Structures are given as structure tokens and as C-alpha cells.
Amino acid sequence: MSALICGSMAYDTIMVFHDKFKNHILPEKVHMLNVSFLVPALRREYGGCAGNIAYNLQLLGGDPKIMATVGHDFEPYAQWLCLSGVSSEYIKVLDNNYTGQAYITTDEDDNQITAFHPGAMNESHLNSVPENAGIEIGIVSPDGRAGMLLHAQELAQLGIPFIFDPGQGMPMFNAEELVQFLEQATWATFNDYEFELMQKVTGLTTAEIAAKVDALIITLGAEGSKIYTNDKCLEIPAAKVEQILDPTGCGDAYRAGLLYGLTNNYSWEETGRMGALMGAIKIEQHGSQNHTFEFEYFKQRYADSFGQTF
């Protein structure tokens, strides 16, 4: 079952600060903030929400199709996608732009400060959802503002069920637009911070938001996640983690688990646990696309974490 992954593609420059931001940011001085963090560890990785989700879904044996706009510097990333078996069929290259660039600084508490240059992502509306292409499910993840609005509308008009995943792109939209996304989408997913912002902007309660979609998924980091569906709240535990190295891309890995569960008709309990395990496997490696596994390993990790199989 082909899944259309609408969202950003980016190069991630990841820097590690060997201390805690809270030790260097004075709350009473944030109105005149001027800080510098020494970051002796630095890596450049392949990232972007669409790239990360697609990479993880491919690991699970899914059929992801990335739809994104990228710049003239995309060739190394394109080669990586080819090696990983991920389709680039619906990626549009814009020669006068850079591919998105994220500069991420992480501290010892896994807090992150990110600067993001969108580049070609701002032109994502130049891409349209393909018709009659065998796309059976989609996800609208952080991307250019006009592109997110367009792609949600196109998926809804084509009758393709999709996940609304606004992520860090949520501040681009007003209350009316966010409610429109919910009414177009089949499912919606947020982390706990994003969901609080969603409630604040729209004025809707958890129950009101959940009523607009078939399922509302809220991730809670190490506390697991919650899935609201059929007037029930399912408590999904976090998966066991062997080591915590890098949180970057864990949310995208979780969303790949959601897509895999949905496309293979697993229960919401199983689907949520698949997402949790994907996040756990990702956090054990540096970078968003450096982990790899065979499906039998995934099944065994699932059984070890949750005491049951799927």
C-alpha cells in the first residue's frame, strides 16, 4: 500500500552542547538574550520530516513516496534515498534554491534549539498530489505553509485518508485553518507541547479535537503516548530503550510506525506500540536515518518491550 509522505527534506547540522541550557540562560534576562554554546561535537545528517518518515517506513517494509521540493544541492541526498530504496518520484528540484537546512543544538537534557532555513520547502505548493497513482494513504507533515494547505485539500478531494501532522509548522496557521485541517484529515498527531498549542490557538478541548478525526494521537516522550479513538483513550507505553543517544527524528520514526500499522490493518494498541518502538530504535542512534534493522529483529524487540506479539 503506497503512502504519500508530504513534508520537508533537509540537511541537519547537529551540534551537541556538553552542558544544560538552563545553566546558561537566565530567566530574568531572556528579553536581552545573548548566549554562546561551545559545541565540540558536530555532524551533518540527512533529515527533514518527509525524509525521516519515509526512511523509517521503508525499514518496516512499507512503500513510501516522498512528495517534496528541494534545491540544487540535493544530489547527495538523492543518492542516499536510492541506496535506501526510497522513491524520489514525486520530489521536485528547484535550481534556484537550497534544500532546507536545519541547525540543531542539543544539550545534556535532550533539549533542542533549532534554526531552520526552509529554502525550496517554501515552494512546496508547486507540487501536487498525484492522481491515479495508487496512493492509498498520506501524511501532511511540516512543510511550506501554502503547500500544507494545498496538499491537505487535494488529499481530501481525492478521498485519500491522511494524517495531519503539523509539528513545528503549527505557528504558521490561524485557528480557522487548523480546524480546517482537522476536518479534512482522517487522523491527527501531535507531541504534548504541540497539542497544548493546538488547544490554545483553536480554543478546542481534547474531546472536541478528537471528535473531528477518527483518531487523535499525542506523544509524550518517555511517558509513552495516548490515542483517542471511539470515545476511548488508549494509554500506549514507551518501548524499552537500550541507550539514549539522539532524540532528533524520534517523532518522525513514531509516525512511520503509525503509517505501517494503519496500512496493514493493525489495532490501535498495536499501531501505537509500533510507533513507540520505532522511536526507541531511532533514539539509540545518532542522526535521523542511520539506524537499520531486519523485520524479524523489530518483531522480537516488540515482544521484549510489550510482552506480546503482533
C-alpha atoms as a PDB file:
ATOM      1  CA  MET A   1       0.000   0.000   0.000  1.00  0.00           C
ATOM      2  CA  SER A   2       1.680   3.208  -1.184  1.00  0.00           C
ATOM      3  CA  ALA A   3       1.907   6.073   1.314  1.00  0.00           C
ATOM      4  CA  LEU A   4       2.419   9.644   0.134  1.00  0.00           C
ATOM      5  CA  ILE A   5       4.717  11.480   2.543  1.00  0.00           C
ATOM      6  CA  CYS A   6       4.193  15.236   2.130  1.00  0.00           C
ATOM      7  CA  GLY A   7       6.726  17.318   4.013  1.00  0.00           C
ATOM      8  CA  SER A   8      10.179  18.776   4.284  1.00  0.00           C
ATOM      9  CA  MET A   9      13.525  17.449   3.109  1.00  0.00           C
ATOM     10  CA  ALA A  10      16.543  18.923   4.845  1.00  0.00           C
ATOM     11  CA  TYR A  11      20.171  18.577   5.719  1.00  0.00           C
ATOM     12  CA  ASP A  12      20.543  18.525   9.511  1.00  0.00           C
ATOM     13  CA  THR A  13      23.640  20.032  11.093  1.00  0.00           C
ATOM     14  CA  ILE A  14      23.564  18.617  14.615  1.00  0.00           C
ATOM     15  CA  MET A  15      25.691  20.075  17.392  1.00  0.00           C
ATOM     16  CA  VAL A  16      25.980  18.707  20.927  1.00  0.00           C
ATOM     17  CA  PHE A  17      26.425  21.065  23.873  1.00  0.00           C
ATOM     18  CA  HIS A  18      28.042  19.202  26.767  1.00  0.00           C
ATOM     19  CA  ASP A  19      26.072  21.008  29.445  1.00  0.00           C
ATOM     20  CA  LYS A  20      22.496  22.126  30.069  1.00  0.00           C
ATOM     21  CA  PHE A  21      20.899  25.188  28.514  1.00  0.00           C
ATOM     22  CA  LYS A  22      19.236  26.039  31.822  1.00  0.00           C
ATOM     23  CA  ASN A  23      22.662  26.619  33.376  1.00  0.00           C
ATOM     24  CA  HIS A  24      23.409  29.384  30.874  1.00  0.00           C
ATOM     25  CA  ILE A  25      20.065  31.042  30.197  1.00  0.00           C
ATOM     26  CA  LEU A  26      18.925  33.389  32.941  1.00  0.00           C
ATOM     27  CA  PRO A  27      15.102  33.592  33.015  1.00  0.00           C
ATOM     28  CA  GLU A  28      15.169  37.224  34.117  1.00  0.00           C
ATOM     29  CA  LYS A  29      17.380  38.142  31.134  1.00  0.00           C
ATOM     30  CA  VAL A  30      15.533  36.490  28.251  1.00  0.00           C
ATOM     31  CA  HIS A  31      14.430  39.907  26.992  1.00  0.00           C
ATOM     32  CA  MET A  32      18.089  40.606  26.142  1.00  0.00           C
ATOM     33  CA  LEU A  33      19.319  37.126  25.372  1.00  0.00           C
ATOM     34  CA  ASN A  34      22.933  36.879  24.183  1.00  0.00           C
ATOM     35  CA  VAL A  35      24.406  33.427  24.696  1.00  0.00           C
ATOM     36  CA  SER A  36      27.023  31.266  23.020  1.00  0.00           C
ATOM     37  CA  PHE A  37      27.333  27.492  23.333  1.00  0.00           C
ATOM     38  CA  LEU A  38      30.601  25.646  22.712  1.00  0.00           C
ATOM     39  CA  VAL A  39      29.727  22.588  20.609  1.00  0.00           C
ATOM     40  CA  PRO A  40      32.795  20.373  20.071  1.00  0.00           C
ATOM     41  CA  ALA A  41      30.673  17.595  18.528  1.00  0.00           C
ATOM     42  CA  LEU A  42      29.130  18.291  15.105  1.00  0.00           C
ATOM     43  CA  ARG A  43      27.566  16.069  12.440  1.00  0.00           C
ATOM     44  CA  ARG A  44      25.766  16.642   9.150  1.00  0.00           C
ATOM     45  CA  GLU A  45      22.900  14.243   8.555  1.00  0.00           C
ATOM     46  CA  TYR A  46      20.048  13.618   6.149  1.00  0.00           C
ATOM     47  CA  GLY A  47      16.769  14.814   7.631  1.00  0.00           C
ATOM     48  CA  GLY A  48      13.527  16.669   7.124  1.00  0.00           C
ATOM     49  CA  CYS A  49      10.202  15.238   8.267  1.00  0.00           C
ATOM     50  CA  ALA A  50       9.296  13.639   4.937  1.00  0.00           C
ATOM     51  CA  GLY A  51      12.720  12.074   4.507  1.00  0.00           C
ATOM     52  CA  ASN A  52      12.769  10.716   8.054  1.00  0.00           C
ATOM     53  CA  ILE A  53       9.242   9.300   7.930  1.00  0.00           C
ATOM     54  CA  ALA A  54       9.853   7.675   4.553  1.00  0.00           C
ATOM     55  CA  TYR A  55      13.178   6.161   5.626  1.00  0.00           C
ATOM     56  CA  ASN A  56      11.590   4.576   8.700  1.00  0.00           C
ATOM     57  CA  LEU A  57       8.551   3.313   6.814  1.00  0.00           C
ATOM     58  CA  GLN A  58      10.859   1.720   4.242  1.00  0.00           C
ATOM     59  CA  LEU A  59      12.684  -0.115   7.061  1.00  0.00           C
ATOM     60  CA  LEU A  60       9.361  -1.601   8.121  1.00  0.00           C
ATOM     61  CA  GLY A  61       8.685  -2.849   4.616  1.00  0.00           C
ATOM     62  CA  GLY A  62       6.247  -0.100   3.622  1.00  0.00           C
ATOM     63  CA  ASP A  63       6.040   1.694   0.290  1.00  0.00           C
ATOM     64  CA  PRO A  64       6.678   5.398   0.973  1.00  0.00           C
ATOM     65  CA  LYS A  65       6.517   8.006  -1.782  1.00  0.00           C
ATOM     66  CA  ILE A  66       8.062  11.342  -0.788  1.00  0.00           C
ATOM     67  CA  MET A  67       6.461  14.479  -2.176  1.00  0.00           C
ATOM     68  CA  ALA A  68       8.677  17.493  -1.509  1.00  0.00           C
ATOM     69  CA  THR A  69      10.523  20.407  -3.101  1.00  0.00           C
ATOM     70  CA  VAL A  70      14.315  20.524  -2.808  1.00  0.00           C
ATOM     71  CA  GLY A  71      17.199  22.655  -4.030  1.00  0.00           C
ATOM     72  CA  HIS A  72      20.175  22.427  -6.357  1.00  0.00           C
ATOM     73  CA  ASP A  73      22.277  20.841  -3.587  1.00  0.00           C
ATOM     74  CA  PHE A  74      20.046  17.774  -3.255  1.00  0.00           C
ATOM     75  CA  GLU A  75      22.087  15.237  -5.245  1.00  0.00           C
ATOM     76  CA  PRO A  76      23.890  13.598  -2.261  1.00  0.00           C
ATOM     77  CA  TYR A  77      20.535  13.133  -0.519  1.00  0.00           C
ATOM     78  CA  ALA A  78      19.010  11.707  -3.707  1.00  0.00           C
ATOM     79  CA  GLN A  79      21.798   9.136  -3.872  1.00  0.00           C
ATOM     80  CA  TRP A  80      21.166   8.199  -0.239  1.00  0.00           C
ATOM     81  CA  LEU A  81      17.442   7.691  -0.895  1.00  0.00           C
ATOM     82  CA  CYS A  82      18.284   5.464  -3.844  1.00  0.00           C
ATOM     83  CA  LEU A  83      20.614   3.353  -1.701  1.00  0.00           C
ATOM     84  CA  SER A  84      17.897   3.120   0.951  1.00  0.00           C
ATOM     85  CA  GLY A  85      15.270   2.021  -1.550  1.00  0.00           C
ATOM     86  CA  VAL A  86      13.072   5.096  -1.076  1.00  0.00           C
ATOM     87  CA  SER A  87      11.274   6.513  -4.116  1.00  0.00           C
ATOM     88  CA  SER A  88      12.137  10.050  -5.292  1.00  0.00           C
ATOM     89  CA  GLU A  89       9.448  10.024  -7.986  1.00  0.00           C
ATOM     90  CA  TYR A  90       7.482  12.973  -6.588  1.00  0.00           C
ATOM     91  CA  ILE A  91      10.409  15.109  -5.403  1.00  0.00           C
ATOM     92  CA  LYS A  92      10.710  18.369  -7.371  1.00  0.00           C
ATOM     93  CA  VAL A  93      14.154  20.016  -7.706  1.00  0.00           C
ATOM     94  CA  LEU A  94      14.225  23.830  -7.839  1.00  0.00           C
ATOM     95  CA  ASP A  95      17.549  25.007  -9.247  1.00  0.00           C
ATOM     96  CA  ASN A  96      17.460  28.491  -7.709  1.00  0.00           C
ATOM     97  CA  ASN A  97      17.009  27.300  -4.125  1.00  0.00           C
ATOM     98  CA  TYR A  98      18.855  25.440  -1.427  1.00  0.00           C
ATOM     99  CA  THR A  99      17.387  22.316   0.125  1.00  0.00           C
ATOM    100  CA  GLY A 100      16.080  23.011   3.634  1.00  0.00           C
ATOM    101  CA  GLN A 101      18.794  23.362   6.268  1.00  0.00           C
ATOM    102  CA  ALA A 102      18.323  22.687   9.992  1.00  0.00           C
ATOM    103  CA  TYR A 103      20.916  23.721  12.570  1.00  0.00           C
ATOM    104  CA  ILE A 104      20.166  21.837  15.778  1.00  0.00           C
ATOM    105  CA  THR A 105      21.926  22.248  19.118  1.00  0.00           C
ATOM    106  CA  THR A 106      21.132  19.576  21.735  1.00  0.00           C
ATOM    107  CA  ASP A 107      22.037  19.741  25.430  1.00  0.00           C
ATOM    108  CA  GLU A 108      22.554  17.000  28.038  1.00  0.00           C
ATOM    109  CA  ASP A 109      18.842  17.029  28.918  1.00  0.00           C
ATOM    110  CA  ASP A 110      17.952  16.367  25.250  1.00  0.00           C
ATOM    111  CA  ASN A 111      16.525  19.874  24.934  1.00  0.00           C
ATOM    112  CA  GLN A 112      16.989  21.336  21.465  1.00  0.00           C
ATOM    113  CA  ILE A 113      17.435  24.792  19.970  1.00  0.00           C
ATOM    114  CA  THR A 114      16.913  24.755  16.206  1.00  0.00           C
ATOM    115  CA  ALA A 115      17.405  27.327  13.451  1.00  0.00           C
ATOM    116  CA  PHE A 116      15.790  26.310  10.166  1.00  0.00           C
ATOM    117  CA  HIS A 117      16.283  27.720   6.677  1.00  0.00           C
ATOM    118  CA  PRO A 118      13.333  26.455   4.589  1.00  0.00           C
ATOM    119  CA  GLY A 119      14.845  27.060   1.152  1.00  0.00           C
ATOM    120  CA  ALA A 120      12.936  25.143  -1.518  1.00  0.00           C
ATOM    121  CA  MET A 121      10.435  23.942   1.074  1.00  0.00           C
ATOM    122  CA  ASN A 122       8.689  27.317   0.820  1.00  0.00           C
ATOM    123  CA  GLU A 123       7.736  26.383  -2.742  1.00  0.00           C
ATOM    124  CA  SER A 124       6.128  23.059  -1.824  1.00  0.00           C
ATOM    125  CA  HIS A 125       2.836  24.249  -3.324  1.00  0.00           C
ATOM    126  CA  LEU A 126       4.444  23.771  -6.756  1.00  0.00           C
ATOM    127  CA  ASN A 127       3.957  20.043  -6.180  1.00  0.00           C
ATOM    128  CA  SER A 128       0.505  18.463  -6.344  1.00  0.00           C
ATOM    129  CA  VAL A 129      -0.820  15.165  -5.052  1.00  0.00           C
ATOM    130  CA  PRO A 130      -0.687  12.721  -7.991  1.00  0.00           C
ATOM    131  CA  GLU A 131      -3.987  11.291  -9.217  1.00  0.00           C
ATOM    132  CA  ASN A 132      -4.465   7.645 -10.177  1.00  0.00           C
ATOM    133  CA  ALA A 133      -1.018   6.787  -8.812  1.00  0.00           C
ATOM    134  CA  GLY A 134      -2.039   4.037  -6.410  1.00  0.00           C
ATOM    135  CA  ILE A 135      -1.668   6.284  -3.355  1.00  0.00           C
ATOM    136  CA  GLU A 136      -3.822   4.784  -0.611  1.00  0.00           C
ATOM    137  CA  ILE A 137      -2.796   6.810   2.443  1.00  0.00           C
ATOM    138  CA  GLY A 138      -0.978  10.089   3.084  1.00  0.00           C
ATOM    139  CA  ILE A 139       0.521  12.287   5.745  1.00  0.00           C
ATOM    140  CA  VAL A 140       0.781  16.082   5.708  1.00  0.00           C
ATOM    141  CA  SER A 141       3.803  16.848   7.854  1.00  0.00           C
ATOM    142  CA  PRO A 142       5.685  20.159   8.356  1.00  0.00           C
ATOM    143  CA  ASP A 143       6.312  21.843   5.002  1.00  0.00           C
ATOM    144  CA  GLY A 144       5.754  25.198   3.325  1.00  0.00           C
ATOM    145  CA  ARG A 145       2.563  26.891   4.514  1.00  0.00           C
ATOM    146  CA  ALA A 146       0.866  27.058   1.098  1.00  0.00           C
ATOM    147  CA  GLY A 147       1.930  23.509   0.341  1.00  0.00           C
ATOM    148  CA  MET A 148       0.434  22.077   3.526  1.00  0.00           C
ATOM    149  CA  LEU A 149      -2.884  23.813   2.866  1.00  0.00           C
ATOM    150  CA  LEU A 150      -2.923  22.648  -0.756  1.00  0.00           C
ATOM    151  CA  HIS A 151      -1.909  19.055  -0.124  1.00  0.00           C
ATOM    152  CA  ALA A 152      -4.469  18.558   2.657  1.00  0.00           C
ATOM    153  CA  GLN A 153      -7.162  19.897   0.345  1.00  0.00           C
ATOM    154  CA  GLU A 154      -6.038  17.688  -2.546  1.00  0.00           C
ATOM    155  CA  LEU A 155      -5.877  14.532  -0.437  1.00  0.00           C
ATOM    156  CA  ALA A 156      -9.349  15.223   0.940  1.00  0.00           C
ATOM    157  CA  GLN A 157     -10.777  15.890  -2.542  1.00  0.00           C
ATOM    158  CA  LEU A 158      -9.247  12.668  -3.867  1.00  0.00           C
ATOM    159  CA  GLY A 159     -10.693  10.701  -0.963  1.00  0.00           C
ATOM    160  CA  ILE A 160      -7.257   9.609   0.265  1.00  0.00           C
ATOM    161  CA  PRO A 161      -7.196   9.211   4.068  1.00  0.00           C
ATOM    162  CA  PHE A 162      -4.319  11.088   5.667  1.00  0.00           C
ATOM    163  CA  ILE A 163      -2.644  12.033   8.935  1.00  0.00           C
ATOM    164  CA  PHE A 164      -2.439  15.711   9.837  1.00  0.00           C
ATOM    165  CA  ASP A 165       0.978  16.187  11.479  1.00  0.00           C
ATOM    166  CA  PRO A 166       1.631  19.940  11.830  1.00  0.00           C
ATOM    167  CA  GLY A 167       4.667  19.654  14.125  1.00  0.00           C
ATOM    168  CA  GLN A 168       6.787  22.765  14.329  1.00  0.00           C
ATOM    169  CA  GLY A 169       4.852  24.247  11.411  1.00  0.00           C
ATOM    170  CA  MET A 170       1.791  24.897  13.554  1.00  0.00           C
ATOM    171  CA  PRO A 171       2.532  28.594  14.254  1.00  0.00           C
ATOM    172  CA  MET A 172       2.086  29.296  10.522  1.00  0.00           C
ATOM    173  CA  PHE A 173      -1.674  28.726  10.781  1.00  0.00           C
ATOM    174  CA  ASN A 174      -4.559  30.507  12.460  1.00  0.00           C
ATOM    175  CA  ALA A 175      -7.402  28.838  14.339  1.00  0.00           C
ATOM    176  CA  GLU A 176      -9.700  28.584  11.317  1.00  0.00           C
ATOM    177  CA  GLU A 177      -7.011  26.915   9.206  1.00  0.00           C
ATOM    178  CA  LEU A 178      -6.087  24.431  11.948  1.00  0.00           C
ATOM    179  CA  VAL A 179      -9.729  23.437  12.362  1.00  0.00           C
ATOM    180  CA  GLN A 180      -9.983  23.051   8.583  1.00  0.00           C
ATOM    181  CA  PHE A 181      -7.024  20.650   8.625  1.00  0.00           C
ATOM    182  CA  LEU A 182      -8.777  18.560  11.288  1.00  0.00           C
ATOM    183  CA  GLU A 183     -11.978  18.430   9.278  1.00  0.00           C
ATOM    184  CA  GLN A 184     -10.117  17.318   6.157  1.00  0.00           C
ATOM    185  CA  ALA A 185      -7.861  14.771   7.852  1.00  0.00           C
ATOM    186  CA  THR A 186      -8.674  11.229   8.926  1.00  0.00           C
ATOM    187  CA  TRP A 187      -6.215  11.204  11.828  1.00  0.00           C
ATOM    188  CA  ALA A 188      -4.144  13.830  13.656  1.00  0.00           C
ATOM    189  CA  THR A 189      -0.941  13.537  15.635  1.00  0.00           C
ATOM    190  CA  PHE A 190       0.937  15.954  17.921  1.00  0.00           C
ATOM    191  CA  ASN A 191       3.526  15.851  20.657  1.00  0.00           C
ATOM    192  CA  ASP A 192       2.330  17.130  24.033  1.00  0.00           C
ATOM    193  CA  TYR A 193       3.707  20.658  23.528  1.00  0.00           C
ATOM    194  CA  GLU A 194       2.201  20.939  20.039  1.00  0.00           C
ATOM    195  CA  PHE A 195      -1.143  19.727  21.338  1.00  0.00           C
ATOM    196  CA  GLU A 196      -1.246  22.350  24.081  1.00  0.00           C
ATOM    197  CA  LEU A 197      -0.542  24.969  21.414  1.00  0.00           C
ATOM    198  CA  MET A 198      -3.287  23.488  19.237  1.00  0.00           C
ATOM    199  CA  GLN A 199      -5.763  23.811  22.077  1.00  0.00           C
ATOM    200  CA  LYS A 200      -4.670  27.355  22.885  1.00  0.00           C
ATOM    201  CA  VAL A 201      -4.941  28.595  19.283  1.00  0.00           C
ATOM    202  CA  THR A 202      -8.220  26.860  18.401  1.00  0.00           C
ATOM    203  CA  GLY A 203      -9.901  27.090  21.798  1.00  0.00           C
ATOM    204  CA  LEU A 204     -10.977  23.452  21.424  1.00  0.00           C
ATOM    205  CA  THR A 205     -10.869  20.837  24.179  1.00  0.00           C
ATOM    206  CA  THR A 206      -9.250  17.433  23.811  1.00  0.00           C
ATOM    207  CA  ALA A 207     -12.668  15.845  23.340  1.00  0.00           C
ATOM    208  CA  GLU A 208     -13.645  18.391  20.681  1.00  0.00           C
ATOM    209  CA  ILE A 209     -10.439  17.845  18.714  1.00  0.00           C
ATOM    210  CA  ALA A 210     -10.726  14.058  18.999  1.00  0.00           C
ATOM    211  CA  ALA A 211     -14.312  14.207  17.726  1.00  0.00           C
ATOM    212  CA  LYS A 212     -13.173  15.757  14.436  1.00  0.00           C
ATOM    213  CA  VAL A 213     -10.916  12.829  13.447  1.00  0.00           C
ATOM    214  CA  ASP A 214     -11.043   9.041  13.561  1.00  0.00           C
ATOM    215  CA  ALA A 215      -8.080   9.021  15.931  1.00  0.00           C
ATOM    216  CA  LEU A 216      -6.070  11.647  17.811  1.00  0.00           C
ATOM    217  CA  ILE A 217      -2.520  10.633  18.748  1.00  0.00           C
ATOM    218  CA  ILE A 218      -0.496  12.577  21.328  1.00  0.00           C
ATOM    219  CA  THR A 219       3.097  11.545  22.031  1.00  0.00           C
ATOM    220  CA  LEU A 220       4.552  12.119  25.489  1.00  0.00           C
ATOM    221  CA  GLY A 221       8.238  11.274  25.061  1.00  0.00           C
ATOM    222  CA  ALA A 222       9.469   8.841  27.715  1.00  0.00           C
ATOM    223  CA  GLU A 223       5.931   8.704  29.140  1.00  0.00           C
ATOM    224  CA  GLY A 224       4.606   6.923  26.050  1.00  0.00           C
ATOM    225  CA  SER A 225       1.627   8.210  24.084  1.00  0.00           C
ATOM    226  CA  LYS A 226      -2.150   8.472  24.126  1.00  0.00           C
ATOM    227  CA  ILE A 227      -4.543   7.559  21.341  1.00  0.00           C
ATOM    228  CA  TYR A 228      -8.086   8.900  21.483  1.00  0.00           C
ATOM    229  CA  THR A 229     -10.480   6.921  19.317  1.00  0.00           C
ATOM    230  CA  ASN A 230     -14.076   5.702  19.538  1.00  0.00           C
ATOM    231  CA  ASP A 231     -14.627   7.790  22.687  1.00  0.00           C
ATOM    232  CA  LYS A 232     -11.805   5.944  24.453  1.00  0.00           C
ATOM    233  CA  CYS A 233      -8.273   6.894  25.420  1.00  0.00           C
ATOM    234  CA  LEU A 234      -5.655   4.206  24.900  1.00  0.00           C
ATOM    235  CA  GLU A 235      -2.530   4.516  27.036  1.00  0.00           C
ATOM    236  CA  ILE A 236       0.444   3.377  24.935  1.00  0.00           C
ATOM    237  CA  PRO A 237       3.602   2.633  26.954  1.00  0.00           C
ATOM    238  CA  ALA A 238       7.054   3.689  25.841  1.00  0.00           C
ATOM    239  CA  ALA A 239       9.235   0.943  24.401  1.00  0.00           C
ATOM    240  CA  LYS A 240      12.332  -0.237  26.213  1.00  0.00           C
ATOM    241  CA  VAL A 241      15.437   1.713  25.238  1.00  0.00           C
ATOM    242  CA  GLU A 242      18.951   0.285  25.372  1.00  0.00           C
ATOM    243  CA  GLN A 243      20.713   3.653  25.257  1.00  0.00           C
ATOM    244  CA  ILE A 244      19.710   7.272  24.642  1.00  0.00           C
ATOM    245  CA  LEU A 245      21.977   8.953  22.112  1.00  0.00           C
ATOM    246  CA  ASP A 246      19.982  11.401  19.982  1.00  0.00           C
ATOM    247  CA  PRO A 247      16.284  12.408  20.105  1.00  0.00           C
ATOM    248  CA  THR A 248      16.354  14.065  16.673  1.00  0.00           C
ATOM    249  CA  GLY A 249      13.840  12.384  14.382  1.00  0.00           C
ATOM    250  CA  CYS A 250      12.167  10.210  17.033  1.00  0.00           C
ATOM    251  CA  GLY A 251       8.763  11.771  16.365  1.00  0.00           C
ATOM    252  CA  ASP A 252       9.117  11.059  12.651  1.00  0.00           C
ATOM    253  CA  ALA A 253      10.033   7.448  13.396  1.00  0.00           C
ATOM    254  CA  TYR A 254       6.908   7.154  15.558  1.00  0.00           C
ATOM    255  CA  ARG A 255       4.790   8.459  12.681  1.00  0.00           C
ATOM    256  CA  ALA A 256       6.261   5.855  10.348  1.00  0.00           C
ATOM    257  CA  GLY A 257       5.059   3.239  12.821  1.00  0.00           C
ATOM    258  CA  LEU A 258       1.581   4.759  12.682  1.00  0.00           C
ATOM    259  CA  LEU A 259       1.553   4.599   8.892  1.00  0.00           C
ATOM    260  CA  TYR A 260       2.744   0.998   8.900  1.00  0.00           C
ATOM    261  CA  GLY A 261       0.085  -0.062  11.386  1.00  0.00           C
ATOM    262  CA  LEU A 262      -2.665   1.761   9.505  1.00  0.00           C
ATOM    263  CA  THR A 263      -1.695   0.353   6.107  1.00  0.00           C
ATOM    264  CA  ASN A 264      -1.581  -3.187   7.495  1.00  0.00           C
ATOM    265  CA  ASN A 265      -4.837  -3.002   9.475  1.00  0.00           C
ATOM    266  CA  TYR A 266      -3.344  -3.491  12.930  1.00  0.00           C
ATOM    267  CA  SER A 267      -5.284  -2.438  16.018  1.00  0.00           C
ATOM    268  CA  TRP A 268      -4.636   0.978  17.525  1.00  0.00           C
ATOM    269  CA  GLU A 269      -2.901  -0.651  20.501  1.00  0.00           C
ATOM    270  CA  GLU A 270      -0.530  -2.477  18.163  1.00  0.00           C
ATOM    271  CA  THR A 271      -0.083   0.549  15.912  1.00  0.00           C
ATOM    272  CA  GLY A 272       0.770   2.842  18.827  1.00  0.00           C
ATOM    273  CA  ARG A 273       3.301   0.333  20.155  1.00  0.00           C
ATOM    274  CA  MET A 274       4.893   0.069  16.706  1.00  0.00           C
ATOM    275  CA  GLY A 275       5.310   3.828  16.721  1.00  0.00           C
ATOM    276  CA  ALA A 276       6.778   3.743  20.218  1.00  0.00           C
ATOM    277  CA  LEU A 277       9.279   1.042  19.258  1.00  0.00           C
ATOM    278  CA  MET A 278      10.342   2.914  16.122  1.00  0.00           C
ATOM    279  CA  GLY A 279      11.065   5.969  18.277  1.00  0.00           C
ATOM    280  CA  ALA A 280      13.075   3.837  20.708  1.00  0.00           C
ATOM    281  CA  ILE A 281      15.175   2.276  17.956  1.00  0.00           C
ATOM    282  CA  LYS A 282      15.871   5.705  16.487  1.00  0.00           C
ATOM    283  CA  ILE A 283      16.915   7.315  19.785  1.00  0.00           C
ATOM    284  CA  GLU A 284      19.605   4.646  20.186  1.00  0.00           C
ATOM    285  CA  GLN A 285      21.499   6.009  17.149  1.00  0.00           C
ATOM    286  CA  HIS A 286      22.897   9.402  16.214  1.00  0.00           C
ATOM    287  CA  GLY A 287      21.159  11.088  13.304  1.00  0.00           C
ATOM    288  CA  SER A 288      17.683  10.539  11.891  1.00  0.00           C
ATOM    289  CA  GLN A 289      18.480   7.939   9.217  1.00  0.00           C
ATOM    290  CA  ASN A 290      21.458   5.928  10.488  1.00  0.00           C
ATOM    291  CA  HIS A 291      19.585   3.081  12.199  1.00  0.00           C
ATOM    292  CA  THR A 292      18.723  -0.090  10.341  1.00  0.00           C
ATOM    293  CA  PHE A 293      17.207  -3.480  11.171  1.00  0.00           C
ATOM    294  CA  GLU A 294      15.586  -6.586   9.740  1.00  0.00           C
ATOM    295  CA  PHE A 295      11.869  -7.036  10.332  1.00  0.00           C
ATOM    296  CA  GLU A 296      12.388 -10.134  12.489  1.00  0.00           C
ATOM    297  CA  TYR A 297      14.510  -8.004  14.831  1.00  0.00           C
ATOM    298  CA  PHE A 298      11.669  -5.482  15.037  1.00  0.00           C
ATOM    299  CA  LYS A 299       9.189  -8.222  15.934  1.00  0.00           C
ATOM    300  CA  GLN A 300      11.492  -9.546  18.662  1.00  0.00           C
ATOM    301  CA  ARG A 301      12.059  -6.071  20.121  1.00  0.00           C
ATOM    302  CA  TYR A 302       8.287  -5.569  20.123  1.00  0.00           C
ATOM    303  CA  ALA A 303       7.783  -8.782  22.096  1.00  0.00           C
ATOM    304  CA  ASP A 304      10.583  -7.899  24.519  1.00  0.00           C
ATOM    305  CA  SER A 305       9.181  -4.402  25.132  1.00  0.00           C
ATOM    306  CA  PHE A 306       5.474  -5.173  25.403  1.00  0.00           C
ATOM    307  CA  GLY A 307       5.270  -8.844  26.356  1.00  0.00           C
ATOM    308  CA  GLN A 308       3.183  -9.749  23.309  1.00  0.00           C
ATOM    309  CA  THR A 309       3.475 -10.139  19.552  1.00  0.00           C
ATOM    310  CA  PHE A 310       1.559  -8.600  16.654  1.00  0.00           C
END
